[in-house]
Protein backbone atom coordinates (compact mmCIF):
# COMPACT_ATOMS: atom_id res chain seq x y z
CA MET A 1 15.49 -29.14 -9.29
CA LEU A 2 14.74 -28.54 -5.51
CA SER A 3 18.44 -31.23 -5.28
CA ARG A 4 19.57 -28.56 -7.78
CA MET A 5 18.59 -25.97 -6.42
CA GLN A 6 20.20 -26.70 -2.82
CA GLU A 7 23.37 -28.46 -4.43
CA LYS A 8 24.10 -24.80 -6.45
CA LEU A 9 23.32 -22.57 -4.27
CA PHE A 10 22.95 -23.25 -0.71
CA ASP A 11 25.65 -24.11 1.67
CA GLY A 12 25.00 -25.80 5.36
CA GLY A 13 21.18 -24.02 4.83
CA ARG A 14 22.59 -20.70 3.94
CA PRO A 15 21.58 -19.02 0.64
CA LYS A 16 24.52 -17.66 -1.55
CA ALA A 17 24.67 -15.71 -4.95
CA LEU A 18 27.15 -16.97 -7.76
CA GLN A 19 28.21 -14.63 -10.00
CA THR A 20 26.81 -16.11 -13.43
CA VAL A 21 30.26 -16.88 -15.67
CA THR A 22 32.58 -17.81 -12.89
CA GLY A 23 30.13 -19.46 -11.13
CA GLU A 24 32.24 -17.76 -7.79
CA GLU A 25 30.29 -16.36 -4.82
CA ILE A 26 29.54 -13.30 -3.84
CA GLU A 27 28.98 -11.80 -0.88
CA ASN A 28 25.61 -10.75 -1.17
CA ASN A 29 23.23 -9.06 1.87
CA SER A 30 20.08 -8.90 -0.28
CA LEU A 31 16.62 -10.32 0.27
CA LEU A 32 16.49 -11.96 -3.09
CA LEU A 33 18.55 -14.98 -1.74
CA TYR A 34 15.99 -15.38 0.89
CA LEU A 35 12.94 -15.85 -2.30
CA PRO A 36 13.60 -20.08 -2.39
CA VAL A 37 11.36 -19.64 1.15
CA VAL A 38 8.14 -19.52 -1.42
CA LEU A 39 8.51 -23.33 -1.31
CA GLY A 40 7.42 -23.62 2.37
CA LYS A 41 7.60 -26.87 3.37
CA LYS A 42 8.87 -28.64 0.36
CA LEU A 43 12.06 -26.93 1.93
CA PRO A 44 14.34 -29.25 3.47
CA GLU A 45 14.03 -28.36 7.44
CA LYS A 46 17.66 -27.00 7.68
CA ILE A 47 17.31 -24.14 4.89
CA ARG A 48 13.86 -23.21 6.30
CA GLU A 49 15.00 -22.52 9.63
CA TYR A 50 17.90 -20.74 8.37
CA LEU A 51 15.61 -18.81 6.17
CA THR A 52 13.46 -17.73 8.61
CA GLU A 53 16.01 -16.70 11.73
CA GLN A 54 17.45 -14.09 9.19
CA LEU A 55 14.59 -12.81 8.10
CA LYS A 56 12.99 -12.33 11.53
CA SER A 57 16.39 -10.64 13.02
CA ASP A 58 17.36 -7.40 12.12
CA LYS A 59 19.09 -8.31 9.26
CA PHE A 60 16.15 -7.19 6.88
CA LEU A 61 13.36 -6.88 8.99
CA THR A 62 12.49 -3.03 9.81
CA GLU A 63 10.01 -1.26 11.63
CA PHE A 64 8.09 -1.53 8.20
CA GLY A 65 8.48 -4.39 6.93
CA LEU A 66 11.55 -6.31 4.97
CA ALA A 67 14.22 -4.38 3.18
CA THR A 68 15.19 -5.72 0.12
CA GLU A 69 18.48 -4.52 1.08
CA SER A 70 20.31 -5.26 4.53
CA PRO A 71 19.98 -1.67 5.97
CA SER A 72 23.37 -2.90 7.74
CA SER A 73 24.68 -3.15 4.10
CA GLU A 74 28.02 -1.14 2.95
CA LEU A 75 25.07 -1.92 -0.69
CA TYR A 76 22.03 -0.27 1.07
CA GLU A 77 20.73 2.86 -0.01
CA ALA A 78 17.29 4.51 1.30
CA ASP A 79 16.21 4.48 -2.24
CA GLY A 80 18.38 2.57 -4.41
CA TYR A 81 15.24 0.64 -5.49
CA TRP A 82 16.44 -2.83 -5.13
CA ARG A 83 19.16 -2.03 -2.83
CA GLY A 84 17.41 -1.38 0.25
CA PRO A 85 13.50 -0.24 0.00
CA ILE A 86 10.25 -2.65 1.19
CA TRP A 87 8.43 -3.48 -2.08
CA ALA A 88 5.02 -5.05 -2.36
CA PRO A 89 5.30 -8.12 -4.48
CA SER A 90 9.00 -9.28 -2.66
CA THR A 91 7.02 -8.71 0.46
CA MET A 92 4.26 -11.13 -0.81
CA LEU A 93 5.61 -13.38 -2.35
CA LEU A 94 8.14 -13.90 1.20
CA ALA A 95 4.81 -13.92 3.56
CA ASP A 96 3.33 -16.41 1.84
CA GLY A 97 6.11 -19.00 1.77
CA LEU A 98 6.61 -17.84 5.28
CA TRP A 99 2.70 -18.82 6.05
CA GLU A 100 3.20 -22.27 4.05
CA CYS A 101 6.62 -23.03 6.64
CA GLY A 102 4.15 -22.22 9.25
CA GLU A 103 5.43 -18.88 10.37
CA GLU A 104 1.76 -17.52 11.04
CA GLU A 105 2.68 -15.23 13.56
CA PHE A 106 5.46 -13.80 12.35
CA VAL A 107 3.93 -13.27 8.96
CA ARG A 108 1.05 -11.37 10.43
CA ASP A 109 4.00 -9.33 12.56
CA ILE A 110 4.83 -8.60 8.79
CA THR A 111 1.32 -7.84 7.72
CA HIS A 112 1.20 -5.47 9.88
CA ARG A 113 4.74 -3.44 9.10
CA PHE A 114 4.09 -3.50 6.19
CA CYS A 115 0.51 -1.79 6.24
CA LYS A 116 2.05 0.65 8.51
CA ALA A 117 4.17 1.97 5.72
CA VAL A 118 0.92 2.19 3.25
CA GLN A 119 -0.91 3.82 6.15
CA GLN A 120 1.74 6.15 6.97
CA SER A 121 2.89 6.42 3.20
CA GLY A 122 -0.31 5.61 0.69
CA CYS A 123 0.64 3.26 -1.61
CA ALA A 124 3.46 3.84 -3.12
CA GLU A 125 5.61 1.36 -5.41
CA ASN A 126 7.73 1.25 -2.52
CA PHE A 127 8.82 2.77 0.75
CA ASP A 128 12.64 3.36 2.67
CA ALA A 129 12.82 0.85 4.79
CA LEU A 130 13.50 2.91 7.84
CA THR A 131 11.24 5.78 7.55
CA GLY A 132 8.49 4.12 5.77
CA ALA A 133 8.47 7.52 3.27
CA GLY A 134 6.38 6.23 0.23
CA LEU A 135 9.18 6.57 -2.89
CA ARG A 136 8.40 6.76 -6.36
CA ASP A 137 4.85 6.28 -8.20
CA ARG A 138 2.50 7.21 -4.47
CA ALA A 139 -0.61 5.36 -6.48
CA TYR A 140 0.64 1.77 -7.03
CA THR A 141 -2.06 -0.63 -7.48
CA TRP A 142 0.30 -3.65 -6.70
CA THR A 143 0.40 -1.90 -3.47
CA ALA A 144 -3.11 -1.76 -3.06
CA SER A 145 -3.61 -4.84 -3.91
CA VAL A 146 -1.15 -6.70 -2.17
CA MET A 147 -2.01 -4.93 1.07
CA LEU A 148 -5.45 -5.65 0.90
CA VAL A 149 -4.71 -9.59 0.11
CA MET A 150 -2.39 -9.84 3.47
CA ALA A 151 -4.60 -7.90 5.53
CA HIS A 152 -7.39 -10.10 4.33
CA GLU A 153 -5.81 -13.87 4.11
CA TYR A 154 -3.34 -12.79 7.66
CA LEU A 155 -5.18 -10.93 10.23
CA GLY A 156 -8.73 -11.58 8.65
């Protein structure tokens, strides 16, 4: 399955999005394409390095964590649900995978940024990636859980 994923969804280490019916590649600036990092060191080094490099860049990384859509994208919306805001689940999944890739310092940095958003805005469902303002429901348990797990695991 790993080999098939690499053949189909990566081009030279770069993740790509495909239109389901036609298989045509779609230009994409979504954080979702970087979720294979959860495989940690099971990913080939070339792919791990590319994904990590992009996640560390300002493509997704903001003062408050990893935006779900690159803020430089035409599709970015501050309150666009999965087209911009920072979410606890995606943050936790990526942090765990990056930790398994040996990116401990970067994971600590992501943790500090995410905890900053929570400290500033409470346990909101998601956060404006550029201001850290809480969006949607202001008392979400997965946000509280992710913050506690990340602070314990990566800062403890």
